[in-house]
Amino acid sequence: MRDLPFSLEEHNSWKEMRTMAAQGRLPQSLGVLTVESCFVPLAERFGQIYLSGRQDAATQEDSEANHPDLLFAAEPGKPPGIRQCRQLAAELTLQPVATSCRVGVIFHADRLSPAAANSLLKLLEEPPPKARLLLFMETEATLPTIISRLWTLRIKPEIHRNRSSLPQNDHEWVEWFRGMAQSTKEDARLSTELDGLVTASIACRRYETARRLETLRRLAENGRLSQSMLMDLACLAVKEEYPIEHVFDNFW
């Protein structure tokens, strides 16, 4: 399962969702306002929480991306059409295969055609008892009749001020190493810089790279590896897409 960037893990809306899961009061229809690059990792996390009914599922490593009760109306990148919305509605009326509920996911709910959006109104107003709905959107342009039937979370990750993109060439990597070497607060600066790289990787849809950089960020906070080694591993993870988990077994 794809990891979320650190900025999302610490986001108040994300924490609120996990608290609601722990209290057993998850909404039946949830709208998530976020950036497109976070649609898939958030859908997997929210889907896992709904399907397991536990807030601690958000930290488990097993993926729910191919779960038989996690249903996607369409792939990310374009909104589903009316036929796909109707098909999802029909599938949500069926009994769950492996859990106590079925979860339907709709990406780009703010870009649905009027016909597709209207086809969801009855489903949102009177959802089947064992159905849950997740609607993802980038803007609040969704039909008011749909918004009024959702419990909406706003999860917009903040792009680090000093790192809105990944280094693209050798010169930029040299400048990155030089800037880190001149830092007077090495541990804090490296952790913050790695957090920025994580967010930039998510924005580029390089989810595996983001996961590896997040591991390095946590190691930087724990002080288990030297700054120079962490910087080298970060460069390998981003520039060479090297699977850094092969370098060490467990530093936690």
C-alpha atoms as a PDB file:
ATOM      1  CA  MET A   1       0.000   0.000   0.000  1.00  0.00           C
ATOM      2  CA  ARG A   2       1.264   3.472  -0.873  1.00  0.00           C
ATOM      3  CA  ASP A   3       2.386   5.559   2.102  1.00  0.00           C
ATOM      4  CA  LEU A   4       1.029   9.033   2.680  1.00  0.00           C
ATOM      5  CA  PRO A   5       3.469  11.925   2.953  1.00  0.00           C
ATOM      6  CA  PHE A   6       4.326  13.081   6.452  1.00  0.00           C
ATOM      7  CA  SER A   7       2.353  16.309   6.015  1.00  0.00           C
ATOM      8  CA  LEU A   8      -0.824  14.288   5.512  1.00  0.00           C
ATOM      9  CA  GLU A   9      -0.151  11.937   8.432  1.00  0.00           C
ATOM     10  CA  GLU A  10      -0.010  15.017  10.648  1.00  0.00           C
ATOM     11  CA  HIS A  11      -3.014  16.706   9.034  1.00  0.00           C
ATOM     12  CA  ASN A  12      -5.833  17.486  11.473  1.00  0.00           C
ATOM     13  CA  SER A  13      -8.508  16.129   9.122  1.00  0.00           C
ATOM     14  CA  TRP A  14      -6.662  12.829   8.816  1.00  0.00           C
ATOM     15  CA  LYS A  15      -6.320  12.608  12.594  1.00  0.00           C
ATOM     16  CA  GLU A  16     -10.035  13.385  12.957  1.00  0.00           C
ATOM     17  CA  MET A  17     -10.914  10.553  10.585  1.00  0.00           C
ATOM     18  CA  ARG A  18      -8.849   8.067  12.581  1.00  0.00           C
ATOM     19  CA  THR A  19     -10.459   9.251  15.810  1.00  0.00           C
ATOM     20  CA  MET A  20     -13.919   8.712  14.329  1.00  0.00           C
ATOM     21  CA  ALA A  21     -12.897   5.195  13.261  1.00  0.00           C
ATOM     22  CA  ALA A  22     -11.692   4.425  16.781  1.00  0.00           C
ATOM     23  CA  GLN A  23     -15.056   5.596  18.134  1.00  0.00           C
ATOM     24  CA  GLY A  24     -17.010   3.555  15.579  1.00  0.00           C
ATOM     25  CA  ARG A  25     -18.786   6.534  14.012  1.00  0.00           C
ATOM     26  CA  LEU A  26     -17.516   6.639  10.432  1.00  0.00           C
ATOM     27  CA  PRO A  27     -19.846   8.492   8.018  1.00  0.00           C
ATOM     28  CA  GLN A  28     -21.653   6.373   5.432  1.00  0.00           C
ATOM     29  CA  SER A  29     -20.840   8.855   2.651  1.00  0.00           C
ATOM     30  CA  LEU A  30     -17.529  10.709   2.797  1.00  0.00           C
ATOM     31  CA  GLY A  31     -16.251  13.458   0.514  1.00  0.00           C
ATOM     32  CA  VAL A  32     -12.500  14.112   0.405  1.00  0.00           C
ATOM     33  CA  LEU A  33     -11.226  17.418  -0.956  1.00  0.00           C
ATOM     34  CA  THR A  34      -7.553  16.978  -1.822  1.00  0.00           C
ATOM     35  CA  VAL A  35      -5.036  17.093  -4.680  1.00  0.00           C
ATOM     36  CA  GLU A  36      -5.264  14.493  -7.443  1.00  0.00           C
ATOM     37  CA  SER A  37      -1.880  12.971  -6.607  1.00  0.00           C
ATOM     38  CA  CYS A  38      -3.306  11.923  -3.223  1.00  0.00           C
ATOM     39  CA  PHE A  39      -6.490  10.290  -4.566  1.00  0.00           C
ATOM     40  CA  VAL A  40      -5.123   6.752  -4.789  1.00  0.00           C
ATOM     41  CA  PRO A  41      -3.110   6.551  -1.531  1.00  0.00           C
ATOM     42  CA  LEU A  42      -5.964   8.157   0.412  1.00  0.00           C
ATOM     43  CA  ALA A  43      -8.552   5.879  -1.213  1.00  0.00           C
ATOM     44  CA  GLU A  44      -6.512   2.861  -0.150  1.00  0.00           C
ATOM     45  CA  ARG A  45      -6.137   4.162   3.417  1.00  0.00           C
ATOM     46  CA  PHE A  46      -9.783   5.176   3.829  1.00  0.00           C
ATOM     47  CA  GLY A  47     -10.920   1.961   2.189  1.00  0.00           C
ATOM     48  CA  GLN A  48      -8.820  -0.059   4.593  1.00  0.00           C
ATOM     49  CA  ILE A  49     -10.264   1.774   7.593  1.00  0.00           C
ATOM     50  CA  TYR A  50     -13.847   1.268   6.417  1.00  0.00           C
ATOM     51  CA  LEU A  51     -13.344  -2.388   5.534  1.00  0.00           C
ATOM     52  CA  SER A  52     -11.608  -3.243   8.800  1.00  0.00           C
ATOM     53  CA  GLY A  53     -13.591  -0.886  11.016  1.00  0.00           C
ATOM     54  CA  ARG A  54     -10.407  -0.052  12.955  1.00  0.00           C
ATOM     55  CA  GLN A  55      -8.400   3.149  13.018  1.00  0.00           C
ATOM     56  CA  ASP A  56      -5.175   1.174  13.482  1.00  0.00           C
ATOM     57  CA  ALA A  57      -5.678  -0.278  10.004  1.00  0.00           C
ATOM     58  CA  ALA A  58      -4.218   2.966   8.708  1.00  0.00           C
ATOM     59  CA  THR A  59      -0.804   1.826   9.879  1.00  0.00           C
ATOM     60  CA  GLN A  60      -0.920  -1.749   8.661  1.00  0.00           C
ATOM     61  CA  GLU A  61       1.254  -2.783   5.731  1.00  0.00           C
ATOM     62  CA  ASP A  62      -1.115  -5.107   3.880  1.00  0.00           C
ATOM     63  CA  SER A  63      -2.799  -3.500   0.866  1.00  0.00           C
ATOM     64  CA  GLU A  64      -6.530  -3.250   0.277  1.00  0.00           C
ATOM     65  CA  ALA A  65      -6.113  -1.983  -3.306  1.00  0.00           C
ATOM     66  CA  ASN A  66      -7.468  -5.266  -4.773  1.00  0.00           C
ATOM     67  CA  HIS A  67      -9.964  -6.068  -2.029  1.00  0.00           C
ATOM     68  CA  PRO A  68     -13.197  -7.567  -3.441  1.00  0.00           C
ATOM     69  CA  ASP A  69     -15.293  -5.158  -1.378  1.00  0.00           C
ATOM     70  CA  LEU A  70     -13.365  -2.033  -2.425  1.00  0.00           C
ATOM     71  CA  LEU A  71     -14.980  -0.916  -5.688  1.00  0.00           C
ATOM     72  CA  PHE A  72     -13.704   1.835  -8.011  1.00  0.00           C
ATOM     73  CA  ALA A  73     -16.132   3.495 -10.415  1.00  0.00           C
ATOM     74  CA  ALA A  74     -13.250   4.472 -12.719  1.00  0.00           C
ATOM     75  CA  GLU A  75      -9.485   4.912 -12.779  1.00  0.00           C
ATOM     76  CA  PRO A  76      -7.992   8.198 -11.516  1.00  0.00           C
ATOM     77  CA  GLY A  77      -7.453  10.743 -14.259  1.00  0.00           C
ATOM     78  CA  LYS A  78     -11.012  11.164 -15.472  1.00  0.00           C
ATOM     79  CA  PRO A  79     -14.445  11.119 -13.820  1.00  0.00           C
ATOM     80  CA  PRO A  80     -16.760   8.117 -14.275  1.00  0.00           C
ATOM     81  CA  GLY A  81     -19.630   8.367 -16.727  1.00  0.00           C
ATOM     82  CA  ILE A  82     -23.295   7.712 -16.023  1.00  0.00           C
ATOM     83  CA  ARG A  83     -22.988   4.020 -16.949  1.00  0.00           C
ATOM     84  CA  GLN A  84     -20.062   3.536 -14.539  1.00  0.00           C
ATOM     85  CA  CYS A  85     -21.917   5.348 -11.733  1.00  0.00           C
ATOM     86  CA  ARG A  86     -24.983   3.174 -12.227  1.00  0.00           C
ATOM     87  CA  GLN A  87     -22.843   0.048 -12.272  1.00  0.00           C
ATOM     88  CA  LEU A  88     -21.199   1.070  -8.986  1.00  0.00           C
ATOM     89  CA  ALA A  89     -24.602   1.733  -7.435  1.00  0.00           C
ATOM     90  CA  ALA A  90     -25.768  -1.732  -8.474  1.00  0.00           C
ATOM     91  CA  GLU A  91     -22.672  -3.438  -7.097  1.00  0.00           C
ATOM     92  CA  LEU A  92     -23.071  -1.663  -3.756  1.00  0.00           C
ATOM     93  CA  THR A  93     -26.478  -3.304  -3.295  1.00  0.00           C
ATOM     94  CA  LEU A  94     -24.844  -6.754  -3.272  1.00  0.00           C
ATOM     95  CA  GLN A  95     -23.751  -8.510  -0.104  1.00  0.00           C
ATOM     96  CA  PRO A  96     -20.106  -7.976   0.958  1.00  0.00           C
ATOM     97  CA  VAL A  97     -17.696 -10.689  -0.110  1.00  0.00           C
ATOM     98  CA  ALA A  98     -15.174 -10.694   2.728  1.00  0.00           C
ATOM     99  CA  THR A  99     -16.114  -7.957   5.227  1.00  0.00           C
ATOM    100  CA  SER A 100     -19.171  -6.352   6.796  1.00  0.00           C
ATOM    101  CA  CYS A 101     -19.558  -3.646   4.124  1.00  0.00           C
ATOM    102  CA  ARG A 102     -18.740  -2.654   0.542  1.00  0.00           C
ATOM    103  CA  VAL A 103     -16.931   0.602  -0.242  1.00  0.00           C
ATOM    104  CA  GLY A 104     -17.485   2.472  -3.497  1.00  0.00           C
ATOM    105  CA  VAL A 105     -14.853   4.994  -4.646  1.00  0.00           C
ATOM    106  CA  ILE A 106     -15.471   7.811  -7.113  1.00  0.00           C
ATOM    107  CA  PHE A 107     -12.579   9.990  -8.282  1.00  0.00           C
ATOM    108  CA  HIS A 108     -13.075  13.526  -9.648  1.00  0.00           C
ATOM    109  CA  ALA A 109     -16.571  13.946  -8.223  1.00  0.00           C
ATOM    110  CA  ASP A 110     -16.231  17.668  -8.985  1.00  0.00           C
ATOM    111  CA  ARG A 111     -15.943  16.869 -12.707  1.00  0.00           C
ATOM    112  CA  LEU A 112     -18.930  14.544 -13.052  1.00  0.00           C
ATOM    113  CA  SER A 113     -21.365  15.277 -15.863  1.00  0.00           C
ATOM    114  CA  PRO A 114     -24.809  16.468 -14.690  1.00  0.00           C
ATOM    115  CA  ALA A 115     -26.312  13.129 -15.733  1.00  0.00           C
ATOM    116  CA  ALA A 116     -23.661  11.102 -13.852  1.00  0.00           C
ATOM    117  CA  ALA A 117     -23.963  13.303 -10.768  1.00  0.00           C
ATOM    118  CA  ASN A 118     -27.765  13.049 -10.739  1.00  0.00           C
ATOM    119  CA  SER A 119     -27.543   9.260 -11.009  1.00  0.00           C
ATOM    120  CA  LEU A 120     -25.797   9.218  -7.628  1.00  0.00           C
ATOM    121  CA  LEU A 121     -28.398  11.241  -5.734  1.00  0.00           C
ATOM    122  CA  LYS A 122     -30.628   8.328  -4.760  1.00  0.00           C
ATOM    123  CA  LEU A 123     -27.579   6.267  -3.746  1.00  0.00           C
ATOM    124  CA  LEU A 124     -26.347   9.096  -1.523  1.00  0.00           C
ATOM    125  CA  GLU A 125     -29.788   9.830  -0.085  1.00  0.00           C
ATOM    126  CA  GLU A 126     -30.712   6.209   0.634  1.00  0.00           C
ATOM    127  CA  PRO A 127     -27.511   4.134   0.543  1.00  0.00           C
ATOM    128  CA  PRO A 128     -27.810   0.371   1.052  1.00  0.00           C
ATOM    129  CA  PRO A 129     -27.233  -0.545   4.720  1.00  0.00           C
ATOM    130  CA  LYS A 130     -23.908  -2.239   3.996  1.00  0.00           C
ATOM    131  CA  ALA A 131     -22.632   0.321   1.470  1.00  0.00           C
ATOM    132  CA  ARG A 132     -20.093   3.084   2.063  1.00  0.00           C
ATOM    133  CA  LEU A 133     -19.142   5.817  -0.415  1.00  0.00           C
ATOM    134  CA  LEU A 134     -15.907   7.762  -0.879  1.00  0.00           C
ATOM    135  CA  LEU A 135     -16.000  10.721  -3.264  1.00  0.00           C
ATOM    136  CA  PHE A 136     -12.720  12.452  -4.099  1.00  0.00           C
ATOM    137  CA  MET A 137     -12.564  15.966  -5.531  1.00  0.00           C
ATOM    138  CA  GLU A 138      -9.998  18.689  -6.166  1.00  0.00           C
ATOM    139  CA  THR A 139     -12.400  21.636  -5.999  1.00  0.00           C
ATOM    140  CA  GLU A 140     -15.731  22.450  -4.380  1.00  0.00           C
ATOM    141  CA  ALA A 141     -17.452  22.632  -7.771  1.00  0.00           C
ATOM    142  CA  THR A 142     -19.417  19.470  -6.996  1.00  0.00           C
ATOM    143  CA  LEU A 143     -23.194  19.791  -7.252  1.00  0.00           C
ATOM    144  CA  PRO A 144     -24.664  21.232  -4.024  1.00  0.00           C
ATOM    145  CA  THR A 145     -27.178  18.360  -3.954  1.00  0.00           C
ATOM    146  CA  ILE A 146     -24.247  15.943  -3.687  1.00  0.00           C
ATOM    147  CA  ILE A 147     -22.182  18.013  -1.241  1.00  0.00           C
ATOM    148  CA  SER A 148     -25.180  18.307   1.102  1.00  0.00           C
ATOM    149  CA  ARG A 149     -25.293  14.517   1.362  1.00  0.00           C
ATOM    150  CA  LEU A 150     -21.596  14.102   2.236  1.00  0.00           C
ATOM    151  CA  TRP A 151     -19.493  14.474   5.328  1.00  0.00           C
ATOM    152  CA  THR A 152     -16.520  16.338   3.829  1.00  0.00           C
ATOM    153  CA  LEU A 153     -12.861  16.285   4.831  1.00  0.00           C
ATOM    154  CA  ARG A 154     -10.390  18.806   3.453  1.00  0.00           C
ATOM    155  CA  ILE A 155      -6.920  17.322   3.214  1.00  0.00           C
ATOM    156  CA  LYS A 156      -4.630  19.585   1.231  1.00  0.00           C
ATOM    157  CA  PRO A 157      -0.929  18.740   1.754  1.00  0.00           C
ATOM    158  CA  GLU A 158       1.357  21.698   2.152  1.00  0.00           C
ATOM    159  CA  ILE A 159       4.265  21.816  -0.270  1.00  0.00           C
ATOM    160  CA  HIS A 160       7.492  22.580   1.567  1.00  0.00           C
ATOM    161  CA  ARG A 161       8.535  26.150   0.852  1.00  0.00           C
ATOM    162  CA  ASN A 162      12.090  25.226  -0.044  1.00  0.00           C
ATOM    163  CA  ARG A 163      11.324  22.066  -1.947  1.00  0.00           C
ATOM    164  CA  SER A 164       8.401  22.148  -4.407  1.00  0.00           C
ATOM    165  CA  SER A 165      10.096  19.782  -6.876  1.00  0.00           C
ATOM    166  CA  LEU A 166      12.714  17.051  -6.918  1.00  0.00           C
ATOM    167  CA  PRO A 167      16.300  17.783  -8.026  1.00  0.00           C
ATOM    168  CA  GLN A 168      16.391  17.155 -11.767  1.00  0.00           C
ATOM    169  CA  ASN A 169      20.092  16.928 -12.641  1.00  0.00           C
ATOM    170  CA  ASP A 170      23.601  16.594 -11.219  1.00  0.00           C
ATOM    171  CA  HIS A 171      23.950  20.348 -10.703  1.00  0.00           C
ATOM    172  CA  GLU A 172      20.808  20.533  -8.582  1.00  0.00           C
ATOM    173  CA  TRP A 173      21.951  17.558  -6.521  1.00  0.00           C
ATOM    174  CA  VAL A 174      25.323  19.205  -5.915  1.00  0.00           C
ATOM    175  CA  GLU A 175      23.542  22.349  -4.758  1.00  0.00           C
ATOM    176  CA  TRP A 176      21.308  20.278  -2.483  1.00  0.00           C
ATOM    177  CA  PHE A 177      24.295  18.531  -0.862  1.00  0.00           C
ATOM    178  CA  ARG A 178      26.112  21.853  -0.509  1.00  0.00           C
ATOM    179  CA  GLY A 179      23.144  23.513   1.159  1.00  0.00           C
ATOM    180  CA  MET A 180      22.740  20.636   3.596  1.00  0.00           C
ATOM    181  CA  ALA A 181      26.457  20.696   4.445  1.00  0.00           C
ATOM    182  CA  GLN A 182      26.200  24.362   5.414  1.00  0.00           C
ATOM    183  CA  SER A 183      23.301  23.766   7.796  1.00  0.00           C
ATOM    184  CA  THR A 184      23.984  24.495  11.462  1.00  0.00           C
ATOM    185  CA  LYS A 185      21.044  22.405  12.686  1.00  0.00           C
ATOM    186  CA  GLU A 186      21.697  19.198  10.828  1.00  0.00           C
ATOM    187  CA  ASP A 187      19.102  16.805  12.251  1.00  0.00           C
ATOM    188  CA  ALA A 188      16.148  19.211  12.118  1.00  0.00           C
ATOM    189  CA  ARG A 189      17.100  20.575   8.704  1.00  0.00           C
ATOM    190  CA  LEU A 190      17.536  17.120   7.158  1.00  0.00           C
ATOM    191  CA  SER A 191      14.231  15.849   8.523  1.00  0.00           C
ATOM    192  CA  THR A 192      12.425  18.924   7.179  1.00  0.00           C
ATOM    193  CA  GLU A 193      14.163  18.678   3.818  1.00  0.00           C
ATOM    194  CA  LEU A 194      13.309  14.990   3.477  1.00  0.00           C
ATOM    195  CA  ASP A 195       9.694  15.830   4.330  1.00  0.00           C
ATOM    196  CA  GLY A 196       9.750  18.279   1.419  1.00  0.00           C
ATOM    197  CA  LEU A 197      11.142  15.591  -0.894  1.00  0.00           C
ATOM    198  CA  VAL A 198       8.376  13.219   0.197  1.00  0.00           C
ATOM    199  CA  THR A 199       5.686  15.753  -0.698  1.00  0.00           C
ATOM    200  CA  ALA A 200       7.366  16.575  -4.018  1.00  0.00           C
ATOM    201  CA  SER A 201       7.528  12.854  -4.849  1.00  0.00           C
ATOM    202  CA  ILE A 202       3.812  12.458  -4.135  1.00  0.00           C
ATOM    203  CA  ALA A 203       3.085  15.429  -6.403  1.00  0.00           C
ATOM    204  CA  CYS A 204       5.030  13.620  -9.160  1.00  0.00           C
ATOM    205  CA  ARG A 205       3.089  10.395  -8.421  1.00  0.00           C
ATOM    206  CA  ARG A 206       6.315   8.630  -7.488  1.00  0.00           C
ATOM    207  CA  TYR A 207       4.740   6.820  -4.570  1.00  0.00           C
ATOM    208  CA  GLU A 208       7.487   4.223  -4.042  1.00  0.00           C
ATOM    209  CA  THR A 209      10.091   6.997  -3.926  1.00  0.00           C
ATOM    210  CA  ALA A 210       7.952   8.873  -1.390  1.00  0.00           C
ATOM    211  CA  ARG A 211       7.671   5.763   0.768  1.00  0.00           C
ATOM    212  CA  ARG A 212      11.440   5.280   0.808  1.00  0.00           C
ATOM    213  CA  LEU A 213      12.102   8.944   1.567  1.00  0.00           C
ATOM    214  CA  GLU A 214       9.601   8.818   4.431  1.00  0.00           C
ATOM    215  CA  THR A 215      11.563   5.892   5.883  1.00  0.00           C
ATOM    216  CA  LEU A 216      14.731   7.993   5.696  1.00  0.00           C
ATOM    217  CA  ARG A 217      12.966  10.957   7.304  1.00  0.00           C
ATOM    218  CA  ARG A 218      11.990   8.817  10.280  1.00  0.00           C
ATOM    219  CA  LEU A 219      15.529   7.490  10.547  1.00  0.00           C
ATOM    220  CA  ALA A 220      16.793  11.091  10.517  1.00  0.00           C
ATOM    221  CA  GLU A 221      14.496  11.932  13.426  1.00  0.00           C
ATOM    222  CA  ASN A 222      15.654   8.871  15.367  1.00  0.00           C
ATOM    223  CA  GLY A 223      19.311   9.643  14.746  1.00  0.00           C
ATOM    224  CA  ARG A 224      20.062   6.060  13.742  1.00  0.00           C
ATOM    225  CA  LEU A 225      22.147   6.997  10.686  1.00  0.00           C
ATOM    226  CA  SER A 226      24.582   9.810   9.994  1.00  0.00           C
ATOM    227  CA  GLN A 227      23.443  12.786   7.948  1.00  0.00           C
ATOM    228  CA  SER A 228      25.892  12.012   5.155  1.00  0.00           C
ATOM    229  CA  MET A 229      24.617   8.435   4.823  1.00  0.00           C
ATOM    230  CA  LEU A 230      20.990   9.566   4.810  1.00  0.00           C
ATOM    231  CA  MET A 231      21.736  12.163   2.143  1.00  0.00           C
ATOM    232  CA  ASP A 232      23.445   9.545  -0.033  1.00  0.00           C
ATOM    233  CA  LEU A 233      20.480   7.190   0.370  1.00  0.00           C
ATOM    234  CA  ALA A 234      18.038   9.988  -0.484  1.00  0.00           C
ATOM    235  CA  CYS A 235      19.953  10.680  -3.675  1.00  0.00           C
ATOM    236  CA  LEU A 236      19.892   6.988  -4.570  1.00  0.00           C
ATOM    237  CA  ALA A 237      16.162   6.732  -3.888  1.00  0.00           C
ATOM    238  CA  VAL A 238      15.255   9.753  -6.032  1.00  0.00           C
ATOM    239  CA  LYS A 239      17.880   9.868  -8.770  1.00  0.00           C
ATOM    240  CA  GLU A 240      18.456   6.138  -9.303  1.00  0.00           C
ATOM    241  CA  GLU A 241      15.122   4.886  -7.881  1.00  0.00           C
ATOM    242  CA  TYR A 242      17.229   2.452  -5.881  1.00  0.00           C
ATOM    243  CA  PRO A 243      15.332   0.191  -3.433  1.00  0.00           C
ATOM    244  CA  ILE A 244      17.098   1.446  -0.317  1.00  0.00           C
ATOM    245  CA  GLU A 245      15.306  -1.097   1.864  1.00  0.00           C
ATOM    246  CA  HIS A 246      17.885  -3.578   0.569  1.00  0.00           C
ATOM    247  CA  VAL A 247      20.672  -1.559   2.209  1.00  0.00           C
ATOM    248  CA  PHE A 248      19.524  -2.232   5.746  1.00  0.00           C
ATOM    249  CA  ASP A 249      17.209  -4.628   7.509  1.00  0.00           C
ATOM    250  CA  ASN A 250      15.739  -2.692  10.406  1.00  0.00           C
ATOM    251  CA  PHE A 251      17.015   0.454  12.108  1.00  0.00           C
ATOM    252  CA  TRP A 252      13.919   1.117  14.243  1.00  0.00           C
END
